[in-house]
Structure formats: structure tokens, C-alpha cells
Amino acid sequence: MSGRPATGPAAPECSDNDLLHIRAARQAELAFLQAIDRAAGQIFAGIGMPEIAGRRWRPPPVLEDRQDAGRLWVAAADTGEPVAFVMADLVDGCLHVEQVSVHPGSARRGVGRRLLDHAASRAAAEGLPGLTLTTFAQVPWNGPYYARCGFRVLDDAELTPGLRAIRQRGAAAGLDRWPRVGMRRDIAGHHGAQPRH
């Protein structure tokens, strides 16, 4: 991954994952998080998915809602500036990961995995049985990456009504031009965790 946001501040490069700390996003950082997402998304252009690289990001009210709900976390460098974030919401009793974005200057250093682990720990603290997400099945840093992070692909019968609705909205937005899947990561020790297939 390479490049910087076309607009907005450039995220600091972080070469040592141990120097990062995960914390709740701050109101003043929301536009900065959009810039991180735009920069991270540019890699899609290089694999024949320019529509994804140039997509319109979620509007500020959605970010504000997740931030107000305590479901928007950043990985921050020792300077305090975010280099990555994860955004989630509740969907059918699970914590649904809506977005994980890592600035290219801090990519491929385990930052996304740390954010996902943080989301899992928050889900566990809330007594939720798992994390869910929808993603591109064959994009290396999507489906295969999430599988390495403990997610499994859900078959059609396992998709909950909320996940089906998310998939339908994605299809209406043109995302199903490329294969997509729903995935789940069970929270260890939760009585509602489902056996892995």
C-alpha cells in the first residue's frame, strides 16, 4: 500500500506496532479518519476495482453516531494522531465490524489485527457472542485476511436478517460486481459461540 490522502492531513507513519495504543475516537478526528480511509482505499485501484477506491465514504452523521455510541476506535501513534481505525455497530446481537482502515504508512504491521482484537475484547466485555462483517471474498486484504484473524465464512443459512440486509444494501450499491461474503469471529468462552465448520 502506498500514497497519502489526496485531501486532509497525512497520518504519521508508525514503524513500531508496540508504540501504538488503541483508544476511543475523538470528535475532532472524524474528518481525519475519512482521509485515512480514502488513502487506504486507493490500493483497490491497482487490482481493477477503481470504483471501490473512489467510493463516497460514510457521511459524518454515521461517524458521529458510532463515536457517540463508543463503537469507533483508533490506533494512535505516540504523537497521539490516528494511523488506523475500526468502526462497528450492533447487528443481530453481535458486534458488526463496518470498517477497518489502516493508513498506507502504517500498513502490514499488524495494526488492523490489533484493532480487530480490541473490537473482540469490547464485544466480550459487553457479553456479545461474536464479531461479524461483510467483505470481498477474494481480495487478499479482505476475506483471506479476516480468515487469518479468526473469522470464518458464513454459509447462506447462517446469515442473520441484519447481515442479509447489509448484503442487499451492498448489492444495491454495486458491490456485488465482485464476490462478497459474510463472516463471523466467535468470542471464545461465550455460551452463544457457534462451533466452527
C-alpha atoms as a PDB file:
ATOM      1  CA  MET A   1       0.000   0.000   0.000  1.00  0.00           C
ATOM      2  CA  SER A   2       1.338   3.437  -0.816  1.00  0.00           C
ATOM      3  CA  GLY A   3       0.243   7.029  -1.114  1.00  0.00           C
ATOM      4  CA  ARG A   4      -1.208   9.677   1.122  1.00  0.00           C
ATOM      5  CA  PRO A   5      -4.712  11.124   1.358  1.00  0.00           C
ATOM      6  CA  ALA A   6      -5.496  13.411  -1.542  1.00  0.00           C
ATOM      7  CA  THR A   7      -7.001  15.874   0.897  1.00  0.00           C
ATOM      8  CA  GLY A   8      -6.717  16.320   4.619  1.00  0.00           C
ATOM      9  CA  PRO A   9      -3.787  15.636   6.909  1.00  0.00           C
ATOM     10  CA  ALA A  10      -1.264  12.894   6.304  1.00  0.00           C
ATOM     11  CA  ALA A  11      -1.255  10.269   9.034  1.00  0.00           C
ATOM     12  CA  PRO A  12       2.079   9.788  10.760  1.00  0.00           C
ATOM     13  CA  GLU A  13       3.994   6.703   9.783  1.00  0.00           C
ATOM     14  CA  CYS A  14       4.373   4.229  12.594  1.00  0.00           C
ATOM     15  CA  SER A  15       7.064   1.609  12.203  1.00  0.00           C
ATOM     16  CA  ASP A  16       6.739   0.034  15.656  1.00  0.00           C
ATOM     17  CA  ASN A  17       3.398  -1.578  16.440  1.00  0.00           C
ATOM     18  CA  ASP A  18       4.288  -1.583  20.152  1.00  0.00           C
ATOM     19  CA  LEU A  19       4.216   2.224  20.154  1.00  0.00           C
ATOM     20  CA  LEU A  20       0.577   2.277  19.069  1.00  0.00           C
ATOM     21  CA  HIS A  21      -2.238   2.466  21.531  1.00  0.00           C
ATOM     22  CA  ILE A  22      -5.920   1.835  20.896  1.00  0.00           C
ATOM     23  CA  ARG A  23      -8.411   4.346  22.204  1.00  0.00           C
ATOM     24  CA  ALA A  24     -11.840   5.775  21.504  1.00  0.00           C
ATOM     25  CA  ALA A  25     -12.000   8.176  18.571  1.00  0.00           C
ATOM     26  CA  ARG A  26     -12.439  11.849  19.357  1.00  0.00           C
ATOM     27  CA  GLN A  27     -14.984  14.133  17.731  1.00  0.00           C
ATOM     28  CA  ALA A  28     -12.260  16.365  16.298  1.00  0.00           C
ATOM     29  CA  GLU A  29     -10.690  13.374  14.486  1.00  0.00           C
ATOM     30  CA  LEU A  30     -13.648  12.303  12.348  1.00  0.00           C
ATOM     31  CA  ALA A  31     -12.601  14.153   9.178  1.00  0.00           C
ATOM     32  CA  PHE A  32      -9.070  12.807   9.681  1.00  0.00           C
ATOM     33  CA  LEU A  33     -10.472   9.246   9.781  1.00  0.00           C
ATOM     34  CA  GLN A  34     -12.196   9.842   6.457  1.00  0.00           C
ATOM     35  CA  ALA A  35      -8.832  10.870   4.992  1.00  0.00           C
ATOM     36  CA  ILE A  36      -7.223   7.685   6.358  1.00  0.00           C
ATOM     37  CA  ASP A  37      -9.966   5.606   4.735  1.00  0.00           C
ATOM     38  CA  ARG A  38      -9.579   7.345   1.379  1.00  0.00           C
ATOM     39  CA  ALA A  39      -5.820   6.746   1.453  1.00  0.00           C
ATOM     40  CA  ALA A  40      -6.228   3.102   2.455  1.00  0.00           C
ATOM     41  CA  GLY A  41      -8.806   2.531  -0.268  1.00  0.00           C
ATOM     42  CA  GLN A  42      -6.513   3.586  -3.104  1.00  0.00           C
ATOM     43  CA  ILE A  43      -4.985   0.102  -3.251  1.00  0.00           C
ATOM     44  CA  PHE A  44      -8.232  -1.184  -4.779  1.00  0.00           C
ATOM     45  CA  ALA A  45      -7.493   0.779  -7.951  1.00  0.00           C
ATOM     46  CA  GLY A  46      -4.426  -1.395  -8.533  1.00  0.00           C
ATOM     47  CA  ILE A  47      -6.461  -4.612  -8.664  1.00  0.00           C
ATOM     48  CA  GLY A  48      -9.117  -3.454 -11.099  1.00  0.00           C
ATOM     49  CA  MET A  49     -11.583  -2.067  -8.553  1.00  0.00           C
ATOM     50  CA  PRO A  50     -11.342   1.713  -9.088  1.00  0.00           C
ATOM     51  CA  GLU A  51     -14.993   2.138  -8.103  1.00  0.00           C
ATOM     52  CA  ILE A  52     -14.110   0.993  -4.600  1.00  0.00           C
ATOM     53  CA  ALA A  53     -11.038   3.227  -4.449  1.00  0.00           C
ATOM     54  CA  GLY A  54     -13.180   6.243  -5.386  1.00  0.00           C
ATOM     55  CA  ARG A  55     -16.293   5.439  -3.385  1.00  0.00           C
ATOM     56  CA  ARG A  56     -18.080   8.070  -1.343  1.00  0.00           C
ATOM     57  CA  TRP A  57     -17.332   7.448   2.304  1.00  0.00           C
ATOM     58  CA  ARG A  58     -19.900   7.291   5.077  1.00  0.00           C
ATOM     59  CA  PRO A  59     -21.320  10.710   5.909  1.00  0.00           C
ATOM     60  CA  PRO A  60     -20.216  12.481   9.099  1.00  0.00           C
ATOM     61  CA  PRO A  61     -23.510  11.727  10.931  1.00  0.00           C
ATOM     62  CA  VAL A  62     -22.721   7.978  10.749  1.00  0.00           C
ATOM     63  CA  LEU A  63     -19.242   8.527  12.173  1.00  0.00           C
ATOM     64  CA  GLU A  64     -20.662  10.794  14.857  1.00  0.00           C
ATOM     65  CA  ASP A  65     -23.274   8.181  15.768  1.00  0.00           C
ATOM     66  CA  ARG A  66     -20.640   5.434  16.152  1.00  0.00           C
ATOM     67  CA  GLN A  67     -18.354   7.752  18.091  1.00  0.00           C
ATOM     68  CA  ASP A  68     -21.210   8.756  20.419  1.00  0.00           C
ATOM     69  CA  ALA A  69     -22.072   5.073  20.914  1.00  0.00           C
ATOM     70  CA  GLY A  70     -18.468   4.227  21.822  1.00  0.00           C
ATOM     71  CA  ARG A  71     -18.018   1.982  18.766  1.00  0.00           C
ATOM     72  CA  LEU A  72     -15.320   3.876  16.895  1.00  0.00           C
ATOM     73  CA  TRP A  73     -11.726   3.186  17.955  1.00  0.00           C
ATOM     74  CA  VAL A  74      -8.400   4.383  16.619  1.00  0.00           C
ATOM     75  CA  ALA A  75      -4.861   3.082  16.714  1.00  0.00           C
ATOM     76  CA  ALA A  76      -2.797   6.127  17.574  1.00  0.00           C
ATOM     77  CA  ALA A  77       0.920   6.722  17.216  1.00  0.00           C
ATOM     78  CA  ASP A  78       2.972   8.065  20.117  1.00  0.00           C
ATOM     79  CA  THR A  79       2.204  11.558  18.773  1.00  0.00           C
ATOM     80  CA  GLY A  80      -1.465  10.887  19.543  1.00  0.00           C
ATOM     81  CA  GLU A  81      -2.517  11.058  15.894  1.00  0.00           C
ATOM     82  CA  PRO A  82      -4.542   8.135  14.494  1.00  0.00           C
ATOM     83  CA  VAL A  83      -2.986   5.872  11.881  1.00  0.00           C
ATOM     84  CA  ALA A  84      -5.954   3.464  11.650  1.00  0.00           C
ATOM     85  CA  PHE A  85      -9.473   2.899  12.915  1.00  0.00           C
ATOM     86  CA  VAL A  86     -12.216   0.328  13.310  1.00  0.00           C
ATOM     87  CA  MET A  87     -15.907   1.232  13.280  1.00  0.00           C
ATOM     88  CA  ALA A  88     -18.647  -1.106  14.483  1.00  0.00           C
ATOM     89  CA  ASP A  89     -22.343  -1.322  15.272  1.00  0.00           C
ATOM     90  CA  LEU A  90     -24.678  -3.844  16.831  1.00  0.00           C
ATOM     91  CA  VAL A  91     -26.317  -6.174  14.297  1.00  0.00           C
ATOM     92  CA  ASP A  92     -28.477  -9.078  15.433  1.00  0.00           C
ATOM     93  CA  GLY A  93     -26.780  -9.361  18.808  1.00  0.00           C
ATOM     94  CA  CYS A  94     -23.192  -9.300  17.531  1.00  0.00           C
ATOM     95  CA  LEU A  95     -20.676  -6.511  17.168  1.00  0.00           C
ATOM     96  CA  HIS A  96     -20.619  -5.884  13.426  1.00  0.00           C
ATOM     97  CA  VAL A  97     -17.349  -4.522  12.041  1.00  0.00           C
ATOM     98  CA  GLU A  98     -18.382  -1.930   9.467  1.00  0.00           C
ATOM     99  CA  GLN A  99     -14.939  -0.684   8.527  1.00  0.00           C
ATOM    100  CA  VAL A 100     -11.269  -1.270   9.292  1.00  0.00           C
ATOM    101  CA  SER A 101      -8.849   1.147   7.642  1.00  0.00           C
ATOM    102  CA  VAL A 102      -5.102   1.467   8.118  1.00  0.00           C
ATOM    103  CA  HIS A 103      -3.174   4.343   6.590  1.00  0.00           C
ATOM    104  CA  PRO A 104      -0.699   3.035   3.972  1.00  0.00           C
ATOM    105  CA  GLY A 105       2.219   4.421   6.005  1.00  0.00           C
ATOM    106  CA  SER A 106       1.364   2.002   8.821  1.00  0.00           C
ATOM    107  CA  ALA A 107       0.052  -0.958   6.800  1.00  0.00           C
ATOM    108  CA  ARG A 108       1.300  -4.560   7.018  1.00  0.00           C
ATOM    109  CA  ARG A 109       2.446  -4.188  10.612  1.00  0.00           C
ATOM    110  CA  GLY A 110      -0.405  -5.884  12.476  1.00  0.00           C
ATOM    111  CA  VAL A 111      -2.347  -2.695  13.174  1.00  0.00           C
ATOM    112  CA  GLY A 112      -5.606  -3.974  11.662  1.00  0.00           C
ATOM    113  CA  ARG A 113      -5.337  -7.208  13.652  1.00  0.00           C
ATOM    114  CA  ARG A 114      -4.838  -5.236  16.867  1.00  0.00           C
ATOM    115  CA  LEU A 115      -7.946  -3.197  16.118  1.00  0.00           C
ATOM    116  CA  LEU A 116      -9.966  -6.348  15.447  1.00  0.00           C
ATOM    117  CA  ASP A 117      -8.687  -7.886  18.684  1.00  0.00           C
ATOM    118  CA  HIS A 118      -9.728  -4.718  20.506  1.00  0.00           C
ATOM    119  CA  ALA A 119     -13.209  -4.940  18.993  1.00  0.00           C
ATOM    120  CA  ALA A 120     -13.386  -8.594  20.081  1.00  0.00           C
ATOM    121  CA  SER A 121     -12.394  -7.680  23.631  1.00  0.00           C
ATOM    122  CA  ARG A 122     -15.063  -4.974  23.711  1.00  0.00           C
ATOM    123  CA  ALA A 123     -17.641  -7.452  22.413  1.00  0.00           C
ATOM    124  CA  ALA A 124     -16.615  -9.908  25.135  1.00  0.00           C
ATOM    125  CA  ALA A 125     -16.925  -7.189  27.783  1.00  0.00           C
ATOM    126  CA  GLU A 126     -20.469  -6.494  26.562  1.00  0.00           C
ATOM    127  CA  GLY A 127     -21.352 -10.198  26.643  1.00  0.00           C
ATOM    128  CA  LEU A 128     -21.749 -10.421  22.878  1.00  0.00           C
ATOM    129  CA  PRO A 129     -21.177 -13.811  21.216  1.00  0.00           C
ATOM    130  CA  GLY A 130     -19.145 -12.686  18.232  1.00  0.00           C
ATOM    131  CA  LEU A 131     -17.950 -10.213  15.636  1.00  0.00           C
ATOM    132  CA  THR A 132     -19.444 -10.172  12.155  1.00  0.00           C
ATOM    133  CA  LEU A 133     -18.587  -8.379   8.938  1.00  0.00           C
ATOM    134  CA  THR A 134     -19.240  -8.435   5.209  1.00  0.00           C
ATOM    135  CA  THR A 135     -16.347  -8.207   2.791  1.00  0.00           C
ATOM    136  CA  PHE A 136     -14.904  -9.056  -0.595  1.00  0.00           C
ATOM    137  CA  ALA A 137     -14.260 -12.785  -0.697  1.00  0.00           C
ATOM    138  CA  GLN A 138     -11.179 -12.816  -2.914  1.00  0.00           C
ATOM    139  CA  VAL A 139      -9.386  -9.541  -2.204  1.00  0.00           C
ATOM    140  CA  PRO A 140      -6.241 -10.609  -0.292  1.00  0.00           C
ATOM    141  CA  TRP A 141      -6.561  -7.953   2.419  1.00  0.00           C
ATOM    142  CA  ASN A 142     -10.287  -8.680   2.853  1.00  0.00           C
ATOM    143  CA  GLY A 143     -11.702 -12.221   3.044  1.00  0.00           C
ATOM    144  CA  PRO A 144      -8.392 -14.135   3.285  1.00  0.00           C
ATOM    145  CA  TYR A 145      -7.007 -11.595   5.761  1.00  0.00           C
ATOM    146  CA  TYR A 146     -10.060 -11.796   8.011  1.00  0.00           C
ATOM    147  CA  ALA A 147      -9.836 -15.591   7.921  1.00  0.00           C
ATOM    148  CA  ARG A 148      -6.281 -15.295   9.272  1.00  0.00           C
ATOM    149  CA  CYS A 149      -7.698 -13.052  12.005  1.00  0.00           C
ATOM    150  CA  GLY A 150     -10.098 -15.746  13.201  1.00  0.00           C
ATOM    151  CA  PHE A 151     -13.199 -15.096  11.085  1.00  0.00           C
ATOM    152  CA  ARG A 152     -14.978 -17.822   9.157  1.00  0.00           C
ATOM    153  CA  VAL A 153     -17.210 -17.510   6.106  1.00  0.00           C
ATOM    154  CA  LEU A 154     -20.904 -17.887   6.874  1.00  0.00           C
ATOM    155  CA  ASP A 155     -22.963 -20.025   4.563  1.00  0.00           C
ATOM    156  CA  ASP A 156     -26.248 -18.605   3.320  1.00  0.00           C
ATOM    157  CA  ALA A 157     -28.286 -20.340   6.025  1.00  0.00           C
ATOM    158  CA  GLU A 158     -26.158 -18.701   8.734  1.00  0.00           C
ATOM    159  CA  LEU A 159     -26.707 -15.135   7.551  1.00  0.00           C
ATOM    160  CA  THR A 160     -28.900 -13.306  10.034  1.00  0.00           C
ATOM    161  CA  PRO A 161     -31.617 -10.897   8.862  1.00  0.00           C
ATOM    162  CA  GLY A 162     -29.372  -7.930   9.640  1.00  0.00           C
ATOM    163  CA  LEU A 163     -26.454  -9.371   7.669  1.00  0.00           C
ATOM    164  CA  ARG A 164     -28.781 -10.135   4.762  1.00  0.00           C
ATOM    165  CA  ALA A 165     -29.969  -6.521   4.810  1.00  0.00           C
ATOM    166  CA  ILE A 166     -26.356  -5.284   4.793  1.00  0.00           C
ATOM    167  CA  ARG A 167     -25.568  -7.575   1.857  1.00  0.00           C
ATOM    168  CA  GLN A 168     -28.639  -6.282  -0.003  1.00  0.00           C
ATOM    169  CA  ARG A 169     -27.599  -2.651   0.540  1.00  0.00           C
ATOM    170  CA  GLY A 170     -24.109  -3.534  -0.718  1.00  0.00           C
ATOM    171  CA  ALA A 171     -25.565  -5.195  -3.801  1.00  0.00           C
ATOM    172  CA  ALA A 172     -27.740  -2.142  -4.490  1.00  0.00           C
ATOM    173  CA  ALA A 173     -24.581  -0.006  -4.297  1.00  0.00           C
ATOM    174  CA  GLY A 174     -22.865  -2.221  -6.886  1.00  0.00           C
ATOM    175  CA  LEU A 175     -20.504  -4.044  -4.527  1.00  0.00           C
ATOM    176  CA  ASP A 176     -21.645  -7.473  -5.730  1.00  0.00           C
ATOM    177  CA  ARG A 177     -19.820  -6.977  -9.020  1.00  0.00           C
ATOM    178  CA  TRP A 178     -17.130  -8.851  -7.080  1.00  0.00           C
ATOM    179  CA  PRO A 179     -17.796 -11.909  -4.855  1.00  0.00           C
ATOM    180  CA  ARG A 180     -18.744 -10.943  -1.312  1.00  0.00           C
ATOM    181  CA  VAL A 181     -19.247 -12.939   1.872  1.00  0.00           C
ATOM    182  CA  GLY A 182     -20.494 -12.580   5.410  1.00  0.00           C
ATOM    183  CA  MET A 183     -18.027 -13.655   8.092  1.00  0.00           C
ATOM    184  CA  ARG A 184     -18.064 -14.249  11.839  1.00  0.00           C
ATOM    185  CA  ARG A 185     -15.493 -14.499  14.608  1.00  0.00           C
ATOM    186  CA  ASP A 186     -16.837 -16.184  17.719  1.00  0.00           C
ATOM    187  CA  ILE A 187     -15.895 -14.817  21.113  1.00  0.00           C
ATOM    188  CA  ALA A 188     -14.039 -17.550  22.998  1.00  0.00           C
ATOM    189  CA  GLY A 189     -15.845 -18.830  26.041  1.00  0.00           C
ATOM    190  CA  HIS A 190     -19.177 -17.201  25.223  1.00  0.00           C
ATOM    191  CA  HIS A 191     -22.091 -19.581  25.727  1.00  0.00           C
ATOM    192  CA  GLY A 192     -23.615 -18.411  22.425  1.00  0.00           C
ATOM    193  CA  ALA A 193     -20.476 -19.047  20.374  1.00  0.00           C
ATOM    194  CA  GLN A 194     -21.132 -21.255  17.392  1.00  0.00           C
ATOM    195  CA  PRO A 195     -18.952 -24.244  16.541  1.00  0.00           C
ATOM    196  CA  ARG A 196     -16.536 -23.694  13.662  1.00  0.00           C
ATOM    197  CA  HIS A 197     -17.234 -25.570  10.455  1.00  0.00           C
END
